[in-house]
C-alpha atoms as a PDB file:
ATOM      1  CA  MET A   1      37.946  -9.597  24.037  1.00  0.00           C
ATOM      2  CA  HIS A   2      34.260  -8.591  24.386  1.00  0.00           C
ATOM      3  CA  VAL A   3      32.451  -7.346  21.290  1.00  0.00           C
ATOM      4  CA  THR A   4      29.206  -5.473  21.671  1.00  0.00           C
ATOM      5  CA  THR A   5      26.759  -5.333  18.824  1.00  0.00           C
ATOM      6  CA  ARG A   6      24.011  -2.804  18.480  1.00  0.00           C
ATOM      7  CA  PRO A   7      20.459  -4.131  18.229  1.00  0.00           C
ATOM      8  CA  ARG A   8      18.831  -3.540  14.865  1.00  0.00           C
ATOM      9  CA  ILE A   9      16.184  -0.871  14.767  1.00  0.00           C
ATOM     10  CA  SER A  10      13.154  -1.722  12.672  1.00  0.00           C
ATOM     11  CA  SER A  11      12.150   0.651   9.888  1.00  0.00           C
ATOM     12  CA  SER A  12       8.698   0.990  11.474  1.00  0.00           C
ATOM     13  CA  LEU A  13      10.302   2.254  14.645  1.00  0.00           C
ATOM     14  CA  VAL A  14      12.371   4.776  12.677  1.00  0.00           C
ATOM     15  CA  ARG A  15       9.222   5.905  10.833  1.00  0.00           C
ATOM     16  CA  GLY A  16       7.402   6.234  14.171  1.00  0.00           C
ATOM     17  CA  ILE A  17      10.187   8.359  15.594  1.00  0.00           C
ATOM     18  CA  ALA A  18      10.285  10.534  12.450  1.00  0.00           C
ATOM     19  CA  THR A  19       6.506  10.917  12.568  1.00  0.00           C
ATOM     20  CA  GLY A  20       6.694  11.986  16.206  1.00  0.00           C
ATOM     21  CA  LEU A  21       9.357  14.569  15.376  1.00  0.00           C
ATOM     22  CA  LEU A  22       7.208  15.956  12.571  1.00  0.00           C
ATOM     23  CA  VAL A  23       4.216  16.227  14.917  1.00  0.00           C
ATOM     24  CA  ILE A  24       6.409  18.045  17.507  1.00  0.00           C
ATOM     25  CA  ALA A  25       7.771  20.405  14.886  1.00  0.00           C
ATOM     26  CA  ALA A  26       4.343  21.064  13.392  1.00  0.00           C
ATOM     27  CA  THR A  27       2.815  21.935  16.774  1.00  0.00           C
ATOM     28  CA  GLY A  28       5.694  24.257  17.647  1.00  0.00           C
ATOM     29  CA  LEU A  29       6.890  22.111  20.525  1.00  0.00           C
ATOM     30  CA  VAL A  30      10.579  22.592  20.084  1.00  0.00           C
ATOM     31  CA  ALA A  31      13.088  23.021  22.840  1.00  0.00           C
ATOM     32  CA  GLY A  32      14.096  26.532  23.746  1.00  0.00           C
ATOM     33  CA  CYS A  33      10.742  28.180  22.939  1.00  0.00           C
ATOM     34  CA  GLY A  34      10.485  29.837  26.310  1.00  0.00           C
ATOM     35  CA  GLY A  35       9.500  28.702  29.754  1.00  0.00           C
ATOM     36  CA  LYS A  36       6.007  27.565  28.849  1.00  0.00           C
ATOM     37  CA  PRO A  37       5.063  24.070  29.887  1.00  0.00           C
ATOM     38  CA  ARG A  38       4.768  21.611  27.013  1.00  0.00           C
ATOM     39  CA  PRO A  39       1.277  20.361  26.219  1.00  0.00           C
ATOM     40  CA  LYS A  40       0.855  16.603  25.956  1.00  0.00           C
ATOM     41  CA  LEU A  41       1.064  15.192  22.448  1.00  0.00           C
ATOM     42  CA  ASP A  42      -2.001  13.608  20.859  1.00  0.00           C
ATOM     43  CA  LEU A  43      -0.886  10.080  19.950  1.00  0.00           C
ATOM     44  CA  ALA A  44      -3.471   9.866  17.182  1.00  0.00           C
ATOM     45  CA  ALA A  45      -1.787  12.812  15.456  1.00  0.00           C
ATOM     46  CA  SER A  46       1.219  10.637  14.738  1.00  0.00           C
ATOM     47  CA  LYS A  47      -0.918   8.678  12.223  1.00  0.00           C
ATOM     48  CA  VAL A  48      -1.354  11.793  10.039  1.00  0.00           C
ATOM     49  CA  THR A  49       1.876  11.336   8.016  1.00  0.00           C
ATOM     50  CA  THR A  50       1.678   7.563   7.460  1.00  0.00           C
ATOM     51  CA  ILE A  51       1.114   6.295   3.917  1.00  0.00           C
ATOM     52  CA  GLY A  52      -2.392   5.336   2.956  1.00  0.00           C
ATOM     53  CA  VAL A  53      -1.571   1.928   1.404  1.00  0.00           C
ATOM     54  CA  ASN A  54       0.278  -1.232   2.350  1.00  0.00           C
ATOM     55  CA  ALA A  55       3.869  -0.218   3.032  1.00  0.00           C
ATOM     56  CA  TYR A  56       5.331  -3.526   1.847  1.00  0.00           C
ATOM     57  CA  LEU A  57       3.495  -3.293  -1.479  1.00  0.00           C
ATOM     58  CA  TRP A  58       4.579   0.344  -1.828  1.00  0.00           C
ATOM     59  CA  ARG A  59       8.230  -0.409  -1.185  1.00  0.00           C
ATOM     60  CA  ALA A  60       8.199  -3.486  -3.395  1.00  0.00           C
ATOM     61  CA  THR A  61       6.668  -1.501  -6.240  1.00  0.00           C
ATOM     62  CA  LEU A  62       9.254   1.279  -6.005  1.00  0.00           C
ATOM     63  CA  GLU A  63      12.103  -1.224  -5.782  1.00  0.00           C
ATOM     64  CA  THR A  64      10.790  -3.311  -8.692  1.00  0.00           C
ATOM     65  CA  LEU A  65      10.327  -0.276 -10.956  1.00  0.00           C
ATOM     66  CA  SER A  66      13.509   1.506  -9.883  1.00  0.00           C
ATOM     67  CA  PHE A  67      15.069   1.029 -13.309  1.00  0.00           C
ATOM     68  CA  MET A  68      12.248   2.979 -14.999  1.00  0.00           C
ATOM     69  CA  PRO A  69      11.852   6.771 -14.945  1.00  0.00           C
ATOM     70  CA  LEU A  70       9.012   7.688 -12.568  1.00  0.00           C
ATOM     71  CA  VAL A  71       6.543  10.430 -13.535  1.00  0.00           C
ATOM     72  CA  GLN A  72       4.273  10.294 -10.467  1.00  0.00           C
ATOM     73  CA  THR A  73       4.404   8.697  -7.045  1.00  0.00           C
ATOM     74  CA  ASP A  74       1.561   9.175  -4.544  1.00  0.00           C
ATOM     75  CA  SER A  75       1.965   7.142  -1.371  1.00  0.00           C
ATOM     76  CA  ASN A  76      -1.371   8.280   0.060  1.00  0.00           C
ATOM     77  CA  GLY A  77      -3.300   7.303  -3.047  1.00  0.00           C
ATOM     78  CA  GLY A  78      -1.029   4.338  -3.816  1.00  0.00           C
ATOM     79  CA  VAL A  79      -0.238   5.247  -7.393  1.00  0.00           C
ATOM     80  CA  VAL A  80       3.047   4.924  -9.255  1.00  0.00           C
ATOM     81  CA  VAL A  81       3.219   6.084 -12.888  1.00  0.00           C
ATOM     82  CA  THR A  82       6.300   5.485 -14.984  1.00  0.00           C
ATOM     83  CA  ASP A  83       7.452   7.264 -18.106  1.00  0.00           C
ATOM     84  CA  TRP A  84       8.120   5.360 -21.285  1.00  0.00           C
ATOM     85  CA  TYR A  85      10.995   2.911 -20.882  1.00  0.00           C
ATOM     86  CA  ALA A  86      12.862   1.168 -23.693  1.00  0.00           C
ATOM     87  CA  ASN A  87      15.140  -1.714 -22.825  1.00  0.00           C
ATOM     88  CA  PRO A  88      18.580  -0.955 -24.315  1.00  0.00           C
ATOM     89  CA  ARG A  89      18.595  -4.491 -25.760  1.00  0.00           C
ATOM     90  CA  ASN A  90      15.358  -3.840 -27.574  1.00  0.00           C
ATOM     91  CA  PRO A  91      15.229  -0.091 -28.377  1.00  0.00           C
ATOM     92  CA  ASN A  92      12.356  -0.528 -30.904  1.00  0.00           C
ATOM     93  CA  GLU A  93       9.896  -1.326 -28.116  1.00  0.00           C
ATOM     94  CA  ARG A  94       8.922   0.689 -25.044  1.00  0.00           C
ATOM     95  CA  MET A  95       6.549   0.314 -22.116  1.00  0.00           C
ATOM     96  CA  LYS A  96       4.779   2.588 -19.627  1.00  0.00           C
ATOM     97  CA  LEU A  97       3.219   1.365 -16.392  1.00  0.00           C
ATOM     98  CA  THR A  98       0.613   2.550 -13.886  1.00  0.00           C
ATOM     99  CA  VAL A  99       0.641   0.601 -10.627  1.00  0.00           C
ATOM    100  CA  SER A 100      -2.232   1.114  -8.173  1.00  0.00           C
ATOM    101  CA  ILE A 101      -2.159  -0.201  -4.618  1.00  0.00           C
ATOM    102  CA  LEU A 102      -5.754  -0.487  -3.535  1.00  0.00           C
ATOM    103  CA  ASP A 103      -5.625  -1.520   0.044  1.00  0.00           C
ATOM    104  CA  GLN A 104      -3.679  -1.423   3.329  1.00  0.00           C
ATOM    105  CA  ASP A 105      -3.597  -5.185   3.484  1.00  0.00           C
ATOM    106  CA  LEU A 106      -0.904  -7.269   1.764  1.00  0.00           C
ATOM    107  CA  ARG A 107      -3.131  -9.199  -0.590  1.00  0.00           C
ATOM    108  CA  ALA A 108      -2.905 -10.134  -4.247  1.00  0.00           C
ATOM    109  CA  ASP A 109      -6.091  -8.203  -5.123  1.00  0.00           C
ATOM    110  CA  ALA A 110      -4.632  -5.052  -3.497  1.00  0.00           C
ATOM    111  CA  LEU A 111      -2.379  -4.531  -6.538  1.00  0.00           C
ATOM    112  CA  ARG A 112      -3.435  -3.523 -10.043  1.00  0.00           C
ATOM    113  CA  ILE A 113      -1.111  -2.853 -12.957  1.00  0.00           C
ATOM    114  CA  ALA A 114      -1.977  -1.187 -16.252  1.00  0.00           C
ATOM    115  CA  ALA A 115       0.631  -1.419 -18.995  1.00  0.00           C
ATOM    116  CA  SER A 116       0.997   0.359 -22.299  1.00  0.00           C
ATOM    117  CA  ARG A 117       3.335  -0.832 -25.040  1.00  0.00           C
ATOM    118  CA  GLN A 118       4.535   0.817 -28.232  1.00  0.00           C
ATOM    119  CA  VAL A 119       6.739  -0.376 -31.047  1.00  0.00           C
ATOM    120  CA  SER A 120       8.754   1.744 -33.457  1.00  0.00           C
ATOM    121  CA  GLN A 121       7.582   1.512 -37.065  1.00  0.00           C
ATOM    122  CA  ALA A 122       9.184   3.740 -39.693  1.00  0.00           C
ATOM    123  CA  GLY A 123      10.424   6.102 -36.963  1.00  0.00           C
ATOM    124  CA  ASN A 124       7.034   6.532 -35.278  1.00  0.00           C
ATOM    125  CA  TRP A 125       5.817   4.972 -32.021  1.00  0.00           C
ATOM    126  CA  VAL A 126       2.719   2.878 -32.608  1.00  0.00           C
ATOM    127  CA  ASP A 127       0.529   1.351 -29.911  1.00  0.00           C
ATOM    128  CA  ALA A 128       0.832  -2.411 -29.622  1.00  0.00           C
ATOM    129  CA  PRO A 129      -0.929  -4.986 -27.420  1.00  0.00           C
ATOM    130  CA  VAL A 130       0.548  -6.016 -24.069  1.00  0.00           C
ATOM    131  CA  GLN A 131       0.518  -9.687 -23.324  1.00  0.00           C
ATOM    132  CA  ALA A 132      -1.551 -10.485 -20.209  1.00  0.00           C
ATOM    133  CA  ALA A 133       1.292 -12.723 -19.046  1.00  0.00           C
ATOM    134  CA  THR A 134       3.589  -9.680 -18.865  1.00  0.00           C
ATOM    135  CA  VAL A 135       1.317  -7.828 -16.393  1.00  0.00           C
ATOM    136  CA  GLN A 136       0.737 -11.021 -14.421  1.00  0.00           C
ATOM    137  CA  LYS A 137       4.433 -11.638 -14.144  1.00  0.00           C
ATOM    138  CA  LEU A 138       5.099  -8.081 -12.940  1.00  0.00           C
ATOM    139  CA  GLU A 139       2.325  -8.377 -10.332  1.00  0.00           C
ATOM    140  CA  ASP A 140       3.867 -11.670  -9.147  1.00  0.00           C
ATOM    141  CA  ILE A 141       7.338 -10.089  -8.821  1.00  0.00           C
ATOM    142  CA  ILE A 142       5.954  -7.149  -6.791  1.00  0.00           C
ATOM    143  CA  LEU A 143       3.857  -9.402  -4.537  1.00  0.00           C
ATOM    144  CA  THR A 144       6.790 -11.777  -3.899  1.00  0.00           C
ATOM    145  CA  LYS A 145       9.080  -8.908  -3.041  1.00  0.00           C
ATOM    146  CA  ALA A 146       6.448  -7.395  -0.724  1.00  0.00           C
ATOM    147  CA  ARG A 147       6.053 -10.736   1.095  1.00  0.00           C
ATOM    148  CA  ASP A 148       9.825 -11.030   1.395  1.00  0.00           C
ATOM    149  CA  LEU A 149      10.020  -7.497   2.870  1.00  0.00           C
ATOM    150  CA  ARG A 150       7.332  -8.392   5.354  1.00  0.00           C
ATOM    151  CA  ARG A 151       9.143 -11.610   6.373  1.00  0.00           C
ATOM    152  CA  GLN A 152      12.402  -9.703   6.856  1.00  0.00           C
ATOM    153  CA  THR A 153      10.667  -7.161   9.086  1.00  0.00           C
ATOM    154  CA  LEU A 154       9.062  -9.882  11.202  1.00  0.00           C
ATOM    155  CA  VAL A 155      12.386 -11.728  11.624  1.00  0.00           C
ATOM    156  CA  GLN A 156      14.251  -8.530  12.533  1.00  0.00           C
ATOM    157  CA  GLY A 157      11.529  -7.106  14.776  1.00  0.00           C
END
């Protein structure tokens, strides 16, 4: 018995195809629009819809923070802002994060995290300091995940 397996398609190839389809749709080059000849596509136009920051850092950030409610995500500016999140095991403490991706390169200094923390005192939320180690650990988790995503892409591609 002969079994045929399909080759894996990389996510960058899928994004490229999707970008091309968006360019075609945006320029009105859809099939069945009359007998006019199709103008040639400008290949540089396909770069218009790509994100403005490192895709691995972006994906790793979203995956890492997926348990928190998100208030804002801007892939062109590279900003993810969460809403307040309280761990069910510790409901008297909550955190809010702002993650900024500053570059298109996968580098440690391309990631900046700002964290706010509050604790409940007498039924009111009061600002509390965030340990530097907490922010550092979160940065390390995101960077490690981004590097893993990059390695997976290189192995598959």
